[in-house]
C-alpha cells in the first residue's frame, strides 16, 4: 500500500479526501498498518509521500532517522499492542543531520543526536573525495547506510520486534526518499 501510495504521490494523482471526515472516523481509535521512522525534515512527511489517510501510519520522526530506546519502545507499542505489521526506516536525500554527522558537528544537544549517526559514517569507506558534507556521494552513501543500520538495530535491540519478525507477523525494511522527485526507493 505504501509503494502504491508513493506512486500516486509522485505521479500527482494523490487521493484527495475529506480530512475532517478522517478525523471523525478515527476519533474513537486507530489501527495503522505500518510505522515509519523518518527524519524531522519538513520535506518528508510520511503520510503525504505515501498518500495515506489519518490513522493509517504511525510516524516517529527524529533528526537523522536513527533509532534509540524511545523510538524502539514506540515501535514496540505500534506493533505488539496496536497491530502494525510493517516498520519502514525512511531516510532522505540532502539530509542535514547526515551532513552534520559526516562533519562531526558539535552544537549543544545536537552533538549527542549526531553521535547516533556516526557509526554509519565510520562504516562508509572507499568514497572518493573529501570526507565532508561537501562530498554529495559520501553524504548519500552515509544516508543509505544509516537507514539500513537503523532497520537492523530494531531486531538487535528489541526482543519484541525480533519475535514478531520470526513469527512472520512483522516486516522491517529501509528506504530512501528523494526530496527532488518525491520517489521512494526501497532497499532489500
N, C-alpha and C. Protein backbone atom coordinates (compact mmCIF):
# COMPACT_ATOMS: atom_id res chain seq x y z
N UNK A 1 0.83 -1.19 0.00
CA UNK A 1 0.00 0.00 0.00
C UNK A 1 0.88 1.26 0.00
N UNK A 2 2.02 1.18 0.72
CA UNK A 2 2.91 2.36 0.74
C UNK A 2 3.54 2.59 -0.63
N UNK A 3 3.94 1.51 -1.30
CA UNK A 3 4.52 1.65 -2.64
C UNK A 3 3.50 2.26 -3.60
N UNK A 4 2.27 1.79 -3.55
CA UNK A 4 1.22 2.33 -4.42
C UNK A 4 0.94 3.79 -4.07
N UNK A 5 0.93 4.11 -2.79
CA UNK A 5 0.70 5.49 -2.36
C UNK A 5 1.79 6.42 -2.82
N UNK A 6 3.06 5.97 -2.75
CA UNK A 6 4.15 6.82 -3.22
C UNK A 6 4.06 7.02 -4.72
N UNK A 7 3.64 5.99 -5.44
CA UNK A 7 3.47 6.14 -6.90
C UNK A 7 2.39 7.19 -7.21
N UNK A 8 1.30 7.17 -6.45
CA UNK A 8 0.26 8.20 -6.65
C UNK A 8 0.82 9.58 -6.34
N UNK A 9 1.59 9.69 -5.25
CA UNK A 9 2.18 10.97 -4.85
C UNK A 9 3.10 11.50 -5.95
N UNK A 10 4.00 10.65 -6.43
CA UNK A 10 4.97 11.06 -7.45
C UNK A 10 4.28 11.44 -8.75
N UNK A 11 3.23 10.71 -9.10
CA UNK A 11 2.55 10.98 -10.37
C UNK A 11 1.53 12.11 -10.28
N UNK A 12 1.35 12.66 -9.07
CA UNK A 12 0.41 13.76 -8.92
C UNK A 12 -1.05 13.32 -8.90
N UNK A 13 -1.28 12.05 -8.56
CA UNK A 13 -2.65 11.54 -8.53
C UNK A 13 -3.05 11.12 -7.12
N UNK A 14 -2.57 11.87 -6.14
CA UNK A 14 -2.93 11.56 -4.75
C UNK A 14 -4.43 11.55 -4.59
N UNK A 15 -4.87 10.71 -3.69
CA UNK A 15 -6.30 10.61 -3.40
C UNK A 15 -6.67 11.79 -2.50
N UNK A 16 -7.42 12.71 -3.04
CA UNK A 16 -7.84 13.86 -2.25
C UNK A 16 -9.09 13.47 -1.47
N UNK A 17 -9.05 13.75 -0.20
CA UNK A 17 -10.16 13.30 0.63
C UNK A 17 -10.49 14.34 1.70
N UNK A 18 -11.55 14.11 2.35
CA UNK A 18 -12.05 14.99 3.38
C UNK A 18 -11.31 14.69 4.69
N UNK A 19 -10.36 15.53 5.05
CA UNK A 19 -9.56 15.29 6.25
C UNK A 19 -10.41 15.33 7.52
N UNK A 20 -11.37 16.20 7.60
CA UNK A 20 -12.22 16.25 8.79
C UNK A 20 -13.04 14.98 8.94
N UNK A 21 -13.46 14.38 7.83
CA UNK A 21 -14.17 13.10 7.91
C UNK A 21 -13.23 12.04 8.48
N UNK A 22 -11.95 12.09 8.10
CA UNK A 22 -10.98 11.14 8.63
C UNK A 22 -10.75 11.36 10.12
N UNK A 23 -10.70 12.61 10.53
CA UNK A 23 -10.54 12.92 11.96
C UNK A 23 -11.69 12.31 12.73
N UNK A 24 -12.91 12.51 12.26
CA UNK A 24 -14.09 11.96 12.96
C UNK A 24 -14.08 10.44 12.94
N UNK A 25 -13.67 9.85 11.83
CA UNK A 25 -13.68 8.40 11.69
C UNK A 25 -12.65 7.72 12.61
N UNK A 26 -11.58 8.44 12.94
CA UNK A 26 -10.53 7.84 13.77
C UNK A 26 -10.55 8.34 15.22
N UNK A 27 -11.49 9.17 15.57
CA UNK A 27 -11.52 9.76 16.91
C UNK A 27 -11.63 8.70 18.01
N UNK A 28 -12.34 7.63 17.76
CA UNK A 28 -12.55 6.61 18.78
C UNK A 28 -11.44 5.58 18.84
N UNK A 29 -10.56 5.55 17.85
CA UNK A 29 -9.48 4.56 17.86
C UNK A 29 -8.69 4.60 16.57
N UNK A 30 -7.62 3.83 16.56
CA UNK A 30 -6.76 3.80 15.40
C UNK A 30 -6.30 2.37 15.13
N UNK A 31 -5.95 2.09 13.89
CA UNK A 31 -5.45 0.77 13.51
C UNK A 31 -4.46 0.91 12.36
N UNK A 32 -3.38 1.66 12.55
CA UNK A 32 -2.40 1.81 11.48
C UNK A 32 -1.78 0.47 11.08
N UNK A 33 -1.56 0.28 9.79
CA UNK A 33 -0.97 -0.96 9.30
C UNK A 33 0.55 -0.90 9.28
N UNK A 34 1.13 0.31 9.40
CA UNK A 34 2.58 0.46 9.32
C UNK A 34 3.05 1.55 10.28
N UNK A 35 4.35 1.48 10.57
CA UNK A 35 5.02 2.52 11.33
C UNK A 35 6.21 2.97 10.49
N UNK A 36 6.43 4.28 10.46
CA UNK A 36 7.54 4.85 9.70
C UNK A 36 8.44 5.61 10.66
N UNK A 37 9.73 5.27 10.64
CA UNK A 37 10.74 6.04 11.38
C UNK A 37 11.39 6.94 10.34
N UNK A 38 11.16 8.23 10.46
CA UNK A 38 11.69 9.17 9.48
C UNK A 38 12.37 10.34 10.15
N UNK A 39 12.94 11.16 9.32
CA UNK A 39 13.63 12.36 9.77
C UNK A 39 12.61 13.48 10.03
N UNK A 40 13.00 14.45 10.83
CA UNK A 40 12.11 15.58 11.09
C UNK A 40 12.05 16.55 9.91
N UNK A 41 12.84 16.33 8.89
CA UNK A 41 12.88 17.22 7.73
C UNK A 41 11.46 17.53 7.25
N UNK A 42 11.18 18.80 7.06
CA UNK A 42 9.82 19.23 6.70
C UNK A 42 9.41 18.79 5.30
N UNK A 43 10.35 18.31 4.50
CA UNK A 43 10.03 17.87 3.14
C UNK A 43 9.65 16.40 3.06
N UNK A 44 9.64 15.71 4.22
CA UNK A 44 9.45 14.26 4.21
C UNK A 44 8.33 13.81 5.15
N UNK A 45 7.12 14.34 5.00
CA UNK A 45 6.02 13.88 5.85
C UNK A 45 5.50 12.52 5.35
N UNK A 46 5.66 11.45 6.15
CA UNK A 46 5.31 10.11 5.67
C UNK A 46 3.87 9.98 5.17
N UNK A 47 2.93 10.58 5.87
CA UNK A 47 1.53 10.44 5.46
C UNK A 47 1.31 10.99 4.06
N UNK A 48 2.01 12.06 3.71
CA UNK A 48 1.83 12.66 2.38
C UNK A 48 2.60 11.92 1.31
N UNK A 49 3.88 11.60 1.55
CA UNK A 49 4.66 10.96 0.48
C UNK A 49 4.20 9.53 0.19
N UNK A 50 3.48 8.93 1.14
CA UNK A 50 2.89 7.61 0.90
C UNK A 50 1.39 7.70 0.62
N UNK A 51 0.87 8.92 0.51
CA UNK A 51 -0.54 9.16 0.20
C UNK A 51 -1.46 8.31 1.08
N UNK A 52 -1.29 8.43 2.38
CA UNK A 52 -2.10 7.67 3.32
C UNK A 52 -3.04 8.61 4.08
N UNK A 53 -4.08 8.04 4.65
CA UNK A 53 -5.05 8.81 5.42
C UNK A 53 -4.63 8.95 6.87
N UNK A 54 -5.28 9.85 7.57
CA UNK A 54 -5.13 9.94 9.01
C UNK A 54 -5.50 8.58 9.59
N UNK A 55 -4.66 8.07 10.47
CA UNK A 55 -4.94 6.77 11.09
C UNK A 55 -4.33 5.58 10.38
N UNK A 56 -3.63 5.79 9.25
CA UNK A 56 -3.05 4.66 8.51
C UNK A 56 -1.64 4.29 8.93
N UNK A 57 -0.85 5.29 9.37
CA UNK A 57 0.54 5.00 9.75
C UNK A 57 0.91 5.72 11.05
N UNK A 58 1.71 5.02 11.84
CA UNK A 58 2.38 5.67 12.96
C UNK A 58 3.62 6.33 12.38
N UNK A 59 3.95 7.53 12.81
CA UNK A 59 5.13 8.22 12.31
C UNK A 59 5.99 8.68 13.49
N UNK A 60 7.19 8.12 13.58
CA UNK A 60 8.17 8.54 14.59
C UNK A 60 9.24 9.31 13.84
N UNK A 61 9.43 10.57 14.21
CA UNK A 61 10.36 11.41 13.46
C UNK A 61 11.43 11.97 14.39
N UNK A 62 12.68 11.85 13.92
CA UNK A 62 13.83 12.33 14.67
C UNK A 62 14.92 12.69 13.66
N UNK A 63 15.66 13.75 13.94
CA UNK A 63 16.71 14.18 13.01
C UNK A 63 17.65 13.03 12.70
N UNK A 64 17.75 12.66 11.44
CA UNK A 64 18.64 11.59 11.03
C UNK A 64 18.04 10.20 11.07
N UNK A 65 16.75 10.09 11.34
CA UNK A 65 16.02 8.82 11.35
C UNK A 65 16.80 7.65 11.97
N UNK A 66 17.46 7.91 13.09
CA UNK A 66 18.12 6.83 13.82
C UNK A 66 17.14 6.26 14.84
N UNK A 67 17.50 5.13 15.44
CA UNK A 67 16.63 4.55 16.46
C UNK A 67 17.36 4.51 17.78
N UNK A 68 16.64 4.82 18.83
CA UNK A 68 17.14 4.72 20.20
C UNK A 68 16.07 4.04 21.04
N UNK A 69 16.27 3.96 22.33
CA UNK A 69 15.34 3.24 23.19
C UNK A 69 13.92 3.82 23.13
N UNK A 70 13.81 5.13 23.00
CA UNK A 70 12.49 5.76 22.95
C UNK A 70 11.76 5.43 21.65
N UNK A 71 12.47 5.50 20.55
CA UNK A 71 11.87 5.15 19.25
C UNK A 71 11.51 3.67 19.24
N UNK A 72 12.42 2.82 19.72
CA UNK A 72 12.16 1.37 19.72
C UNK A 72 10.96 1.06 20.61
N UNK A 73 10.86 1.69 21.77
CA UNK A 73 9.69 1.48 22.63
C UNK A 73 8.41 1.89 21.94
N UNK A 74 8.45 2.99 21.21
CA UNK A 74 7.28 3.43 20.46
C UNK A 74 6.91 2.41 19.38
N UNK A 75 7.91 1.82 18.75
CA UNK A 75 7.65 0.82 17.71
C UNK A 75 7.13 -0.48 18.31
N UNK A 76 7.56 -0.81 19.52
CA UNK A 76 7.01 -1.98 20.20
C UNK A 76 5.52 -1.75 20.46
N UNK A 77 5.16 -0.55 20.89
CA UNK A 77 3.74 -0.23 21.06
C UNK A 77 3.00 -0.35 19.72
N UNK A 78 3.56 0.27 18.69
CA UNK A 78 2.90 0.30 17.37
C UNK A 78 2.64 -1.10 16.83
N UNK A 79 3.56 -2.02 17.10
CA UNK A 79 3.44 -3.36 16.53
C UNK A 79 2.75 -4.34 17.48
N UNK A 80 3.34 -4.58 18.62
CA UNK A 80 2.82 -5.58 19.54
C UNK A 80 1.45 -5.22 20.09
N UNK A 81 1.25 -3.96 20.44
CA UNK A 81 -0.01 -3.57 21.06
C UNK A 81 -1.04 -3.03 20.07
N UNK A 82 -0.60 -2.28 19.07
CA UNK A 82 -1.55 -1.66 18.14
C UNK A 82 -1.69 -2.42 16.82
N UNK A 83 -0.83 -3.38 16.56
CA UNK A 83 -1.02 -4.27 15.42
C UNK A 83 -0.39 -3.88 14.09
N UNK A 84 0.45 -2.86 14.04
CA UNK A 84 1.12 -2.53 12.77
C UNK A 84 2.00 -3.72 12.37
N UNK A 85 2.01 -4.02 11.08
CA UNK A 85 2.72 -5.21 10.61
C UNK A 85 3.94 -4.87 9.74
N UNK A 86 4.25 -3.58 9.66
CA UNK A 86 5.38 -3.14 8.85
C UNK A 86 6.05 -1.97 9.54
N UNK A 87 7.38 -1.99 9.57
CA UNK A 87 8.16 -0.83 10.00
C UNK A 87 9.05 -0.44 8.84
N UNK A 88 8.99 0.84 8.47
CA UNK A 88 9.86 1.39 7.44
C UNK A 88 10.78 2.41 8.09
N UNK A 89 12.08 2.21 7.94
CA UNK A 89 13.04 3.25 8.33
C UNK A 89 13.31 4.04 7.06
N UNK A 90 12.87 5.29 7.05
CA UNK A 90 12.88 6.11 5.85
C UNK A 90 13.91 7.23 5.95
N UNK A 91 14.99 7.08 5.20
CA UNK A 91 15.97 8.15 5.09
C UNK A 91 15.56 9.08 3.94
N UNK A 92 16.33 10.13 3.73
CA UNK A 92 16.02 11.01 2.61
C UNK A 92 17.29 11.68 2.10
N UNK A 93 17.25 12.12 0.86
CA UNK A 93 18.38 12.81 0.25
C UNK A 93 18.54 14.18 0.89
N UNK A 94 19.73 14.73 0.75
CA UNK A 94 20.02 16.10 1.24
C UNK A 94 19.71 16.27 2.73
N UNK A 95 20.01 15.25 3.53
CA UNK A 95 19.69 15.28 4.96
C UNK A 95 20.72 16.10 5.74
N UNK A 96 20.25 17.13 6.40
CA UNK A 96 21.12 17.99 7.19
C UNK A 96 21.75 17.26 8.37
N UNK A 97 21.02 16.35 8.99
CA UNK A 97 21.57 15.59 10.12
C UNK A 97 22.71 14.69 9.65
N UNK A 98 22.54 14.08 8.50
CA UNK A 98 23.60 13.23 7.94
C UNK A 98 24.82 14.10 7.63
N UNK A 99 24.60 15.25 7.03
CA UNK A 99 25.71 16.16 6.73
C UNK A 99 26.44 16.57 8.02
N UNK A 100 25.68 16.86 9.06
CA UNK A 100 26.28 17.23 10.33
C UNK A 100 27.09 16.08 10.93
N UNK A 101 26.59 14.86 10.82
CA UNK A 101 27.31 13.69 11.34
C UNK A 101 28.59 13.45 10.54
N UNK A 102 28.51 13.62 9.23
CA UNK A 102 29.70 13.46 8.38
C UNK A 102 30.77 14.47 8.81
N UNK A 103 30.37 15.69 9.09
CA UNK A 103 31.30 16.74 9.51
C UNK A 103 31.66 16.67 10.99
N UNK A 104 31.03 15.74 11.72
CA UNK A 104 31.21 15.61 13.17
C UNK A 104 30.95 16.95 13.87
N UNK A 105 29.84 17.57 13.50
CA UNK A 105 29.46 18.87 14.03
C UNK A 105 29.21 18.80 15.53
N UNK A 106 29.53 19.88 16.20
CA UNK A 106 29.32 19.99 17.65
C UNK A 106 28.45 21.22 17.90
N UNK A 107 27.28 21.00 18.53
CA UNK A 107 26.38 22.10 18.82
C UNK A 107 25.38 21.65 19.88
N UNK A 108 25.58 22.05 21.09
CA UNK A 108 24.64 21.74 22.17
C UNK A 108 24.20 20.29 22.19
N UNK A 109 22.92 20.06 22.36
CA UNK A 109 22.37 18.70 22.40
C UNK A 109 22.41 18.01 21.05
N UNK A 110 22.53 18.78 19.97
CA UNK A 110 22.65 18.18 18.65
C UNK A 110 23.88 17.28 18.56
N UNK A 111 24.91 17.57 19.33
CA UNK A 111 26.12 16.76 19.34
C UNK A 111 25.79 15.30 19.69
N UNK A 112 24.99 15.11 20.72
CA UNK A 112 24.59 13.75 21.13
C UNK A 112 23.67 13.11 20.09
N UNK A 113 22.81 13.90 19.48
CA UNK A 113 21.93 13.38 18.43
C UNK A 113 22.75 12.84 17.27
N UNK A 114 23.69 13.64 16.80
CA UNK A 114 24.50 13.24 15.65
C UNK A 114 25.41 12.06 15.97
N UNK A 115 25.77 11.88 17.23
CA UNK A 115 26.60 10.73 17.62
C UNK A 115 25.91 9.41 17.28
N UNK A 116 24.58 9.40 17.23
CA UNK A 116 23.85 8.19 16.86
C UNK A 116 24.05 7.80 15.40
N UNK A 117 24.44 8.75 14.58
CA UNK A 117 24.64 8.52 13.15
C UNK A 117 26.09 8.21 12.83
N UNK A 118 27.00 8.60 13.70
CA UNK A 118 28.44 8.42 13.45
C UNK A 118 28.86 6.99 13.12
N UNK A 119 28.27 5.94 13.72
CA UNK A 119 28.67 4.58 13.32
C UNK A 119 28.47 4.33 11.82
N UNK A 120 27.43 4.88 11.25
CA UNK A 120 27.20 4.73 9.80
C UNK A 120 28.25 5.51 9.01
N UNK A 121 28.64 6.68 9.50
CA UNK A 121 29.68 7.47 8.85
C UNK A 121 30.97 6.65 8.81
N UNK A 122 31.31 6.04 9.92
CA UNK A 122 32.55 5.26 10.02
C UNK A 122 32.52 4.04 9.10
N UNK A 123 31.35 3.40 8.97
CA UNK A 123 31.23 2.22 8.11
C UNK A 123 31.46 2.53 6.64
N UNK A 124 31.05 3.71 6.21
CA UNK A 124 31.16 4.05 4.78
C UNK A 124 32.60 4.43 4.46
N UNK A 125 33.23 3.59 3.67
CA UNK A 125 34.63 3.80 3.27
C UNK A 125 34.72 3.68 1.76
N UNK A 126 35.84 4.14 1.20
CA UNK A 126 36.11 3.95 -0.22
C UNK A 126 35.42 4.94 -1.14
N UNK A 127 34.87 6.00 -0.59
CA UNK A 127 34.23 7.02 -1.43
C UNK A 127 35.30 8.06 -1.77
N UNK A 128 35.47 8.32 -3.04
CA UNK A 128 36.47 9.31 -3.46
C UNK A 128 36.04 10.71 -3.06
N UNK A 129 37.02 11.56 -2.84
CA UNK A 129 36.76 12.95 -2.49
C UNK A 129 36.89 13.19 -1.01
N UNK A 130 36.62 14.41 -0.61
CA UNK A 130 36.79 14.77 0.81
C UNK A 130 35.77 14.07 1.71
N UNK A 131 36.17 13.78 2.93
CA UNK A 131 35.24 13.19 3.90
C UNK A 131 34.57 14.34 4.64
N UNK A 132 33.72 15.04 3.89
CA UNK A 132 32.99 16.17 4.44
C UNK A 132 31.62 16.23 3.78
N UNK A 133 30.77 17.09 4.32
CA UNK A 133 29.42 17.23 3.77
C UNK A 133 29.41 17.85 2.38
N UNK A 134 30.52 18.33 1.93
CA UNK A 134 30.61 18.88 0.57
C UNK A 134 30.65 17.76 -0.47
N UNK A 135 30.94 16.53 -0.03
CA UNK A 135 31.00 15.37 -0.91
C UNK A 135 29.62 14.70 -0.97
N UNK A 136 28.84 15.05 -1.99
CA UNK A 136 27.45 14.56 -2.09
C UNK A 136 27.37 13.04 -2.18
N UNK A 137 28.34 12.41 -2.84
CA UNK A 137 28.35 10.95 -2.94
C UNK A 137 28.53 10.32 -1.57
N UNK A 138 29.45 10.87 -0.78
CA UNK A 138 29.67 10.37 0.57
C UNK A 138 28.42 10.58 1.44
N UNK A 139 27.85 11.76 1.39
CA UNK A 139 26.67 12.06 2.20
C UNK A 139 25.54 11.08 1.87
N UNK A 140 25.31 10.82 0.60
CA UNK A 140 24.23 9.91 0.23
C UNK A 140 24.55 8.47 0.65
N UNK A 141 25.80 8.06 0.52
CA UNK A 141 26.19 6.72 0.95
C UNK A 141 25.98 6.55 2.46
N UNK A 142 26.28 7.59 3.22
CA UNK A 142 26.05 7.54 4.67
C UNK A 142 24.54 7.51 4.96
N UNK A 143 23.76 8.30 4.25
CA UNK A 143 22.30 8.29 4.45
C UNK A 143 21.73 6.90 4.19
N UNK A 144 22.18 6.27 3.10
CA UNK A 144 21.73 4.90 2.78
C UNK A 144 22.13 3.94 3.89
N UNK A 145 23.39 3.99 4.30
CA UNK A 145 23.90 3.10 5.35
C UNK A 145 23.15 3.32 6.66
N UNK A 146 22.90 4.57 7.00
CA UNK A 146 22.20 4.90 8.25
C UNK A 146 20.79 4.31 8.28
N UNK A 147 20.08 4.39 7.16
CA UNK A 147 18.72 3.81 7.11
C UNK A 147 18.79 2.29 7.29
N UNK A 148 19.73 1.66 6.61
CA UNK A 148 19.88 0.21 6.74
C UNK A 148 20.29 -0.17 8.17
N UNK A 149 21.24 0.59 8.74
CA UNK A 149 21.69 0.29 10.10
C UNK A 149 20.56 0.43 11.11
N UNK A 150 19.77 1.48 10.98
CA UNK A 150 18.66 1.68 11.93
C UNK A 150 17.67 0.52 11.83
N UNK A 151 17.36 0.08 10.62
CA UNK A 151 16.44 -1.05 10.46
C UNK A 151 17.02 -2.30 11.11
N UNK A 152 18.31 -2.52 10.94
CA UNK A 152 18.95 -3.69 11.54
C UNK A 152 18.98 -3.65 13.05
N UNK A 153 19.13 -2.47 13.60
CA UNK A 153 19.18 -2.34 15.06
C UNK A 153 17.85 -2.67 15.73
N UNK A 154 16.76 -2.57 15.00
CA UNK A 154 15.45 -2.80 15.62
C UNK A 154 15.33 -4.21 16.17
N UNK A 155 15.72 -5.22 15.38
CA UNK A 155 15.63 -6.59 15.90
C UNK A 155 16.80 -6.91 16.82
N UNK A 156 17.89 -6.22 16.65
CA UNK A 156 19.04 -6.44 17.53
C UNK A 156 18.74 -5.95 18.94
N UNK A 157 18.03 -4.84 19.07
CA UNK A 157 17.81 -4.22 20.38
C UNK A 157 16.44 -4.48 20.99
N UNK A 158 15.58 -5.19 20.25
CA UNK A 158 14.23 -5.43 20.78
C UNK A 158 13.82 -6.89 20.62
N UNK A 159 13.67 -7.55 21.75
CA UNK A 159 13.19 -8.94 21.74
C UNK A 159 11.77 -9.00 21.17
N UNK A 160 10.95 -8.00 21.48
CA UNK A 160 9.57 -7.99 20.98
C UNK A 160 9.55 -7.92 19.46
N UNK A 161 10.30 -7.00 18.88
CA UNK A 161 10.33 -6.87 17.42
C UNK A 161 10.95 -8.10 16.77
N UNK A 162 12.02 -8.62 17.37
CA UNK A 162 12.68 -9.81 16.84
C UNK A 162 11.70 -10.99 16.81
N UNK A 163 10.92 -11.16 17.87
CA UNK A 163 9.94 -12.25 17.94
C UNK A 163 8.85 -12.07 16.90
N UNK A 164 8.34 -10.85 16.76
CA UNK A 164 7.29 -10.60 15.76
C UNK A 164 7.79 -10.91 14.35
N UNK A 165 9.04 -10.54 14.05
CA UNK A 165 9.62 -10.84 12.73
C UNK A 165 9.73 -12.36 12.56
N UNK A 166 10.26 -13.05 13.57
CA UNK A 166 10.44 -14.51 13.49
C UNK A 166 9.11 -15.24 13.31
N UNK A 167 8.05 -14.71 13.89
CA UNK A 167 6.73 -15.31 13.77
C UNK A 167 6.05 -14.99 12.44
N UNK A 168 6.65 -14.09 11.66
CA UNK A 168 6.06 -13.69 10.40
C UNK A 168 4.97 -12.65 10.55
N UNK A 169 4.90 -12.01 11.71
CA UNK A 169 3.87 -11.01 11.98
C UNK A 169 4.34 -9.57 11.77
N UNK A 170 5.62 -9.40 11.39
CA UNK A 170 6.18 -8.07 11.20
C UNK A 170 7.27 -8.13 10.15
N UNK A 171 7.30 -7.11 9.32
CA UNK A 171 8.39 -6.95 8.35
C UNK A 171 9.03 -5.59 8.62
N UNK A 172 10.36 -5.56 8.57
CA UNK A 172 11.12 -4.33 8.77
C UNK A 172 11.94 -4.08 7.52
N UNK A 173 11.79 -2.88 6.95
CA UNK A 173 12.52 -2.53 5.73
C UNK A 173 13.08 -1.12 5.87
N UNK A 174 14.02 -0.81 4.99
CA UNK A 174 14.54 0.55 4.92
C UNK A 174 14.33 1.08 3.52
N UNK A 175 14.29 2.40 3.42
CA UNK A 175 14.02 3.04 2.14
C UNK A 175 14.61 4.44 2.13
N UNK A 176 14.66 5.04 0.94
CA UNK A 176 15.22 6.38 0.78
C UNK A 176 14.24 7.23 -0.04
N UNK A 177 13.91 8.39 0.51
CA UNK A 177 13.04 9.35 -0.17
C UNK A 177 13.90 10.39 -0.85
N UNK A 178 13.65 10.63 -2.12
CA UNK A 178 14.37 11.66 -2.87
C UNK A 178 13.57 12.95 -2.77
N UNK A 179 14.14 13.96 -2.09
CA UNK A 179 13.40 15.20 -1.89
C UNK A 179 13.24 15.99 -3.19
N UNK A 180 14.00 15.64 -4.22
CA UNK A 180 13.88 16.34 -5.51
C UNK A 180 12.79 15.77 -6.39
N UNK A 181 12.49 14.48 -6.23
CA UNK A 181 11.49 13.84 -7.10
C UNK A 181 10.28 13.35 -6.34
N UNK A 182 10.40 13.15 -5.03
CA UNK A 182 9.32 12.59 -4.23
C UNK A 182 9.32 11.07 -4.21
N UNK A 183 10.13 10.45 -5.06
CA UNK A 183 10.15 9.00 -5.20
C UNK A 183 10.85 8.33 -4.00
N UNK A 184 10.28 7.20 -3.57
CA UNK A 184 10.87 6.38 -2.53
C UNK A 184 11.50 5.15 -3.17
N UNK A 185 12.76 4.91 -2.86
CA UNK A 185 13.46 3.73 -3.32
C UNK A 185 13.56 2.77 -2.13
N UNK A 186 13.20 1.52 -2.35
CA UNK A 186 13.19 0.52 -1.28
C UNK A 186 14.46 -0.28 -1.31
N UNK A 187 15.09 -0.48 -0.15
CA UNK A 187 16.30 -1.29 -0.04
C UNK A 187 15.92 -2.73 0.23
N UNK A 188 16.74 -3.64 -0.25
CA UNK A 188 16.45 -5.06 0.01
C UNK A 188 17.04 -5.47 1.33
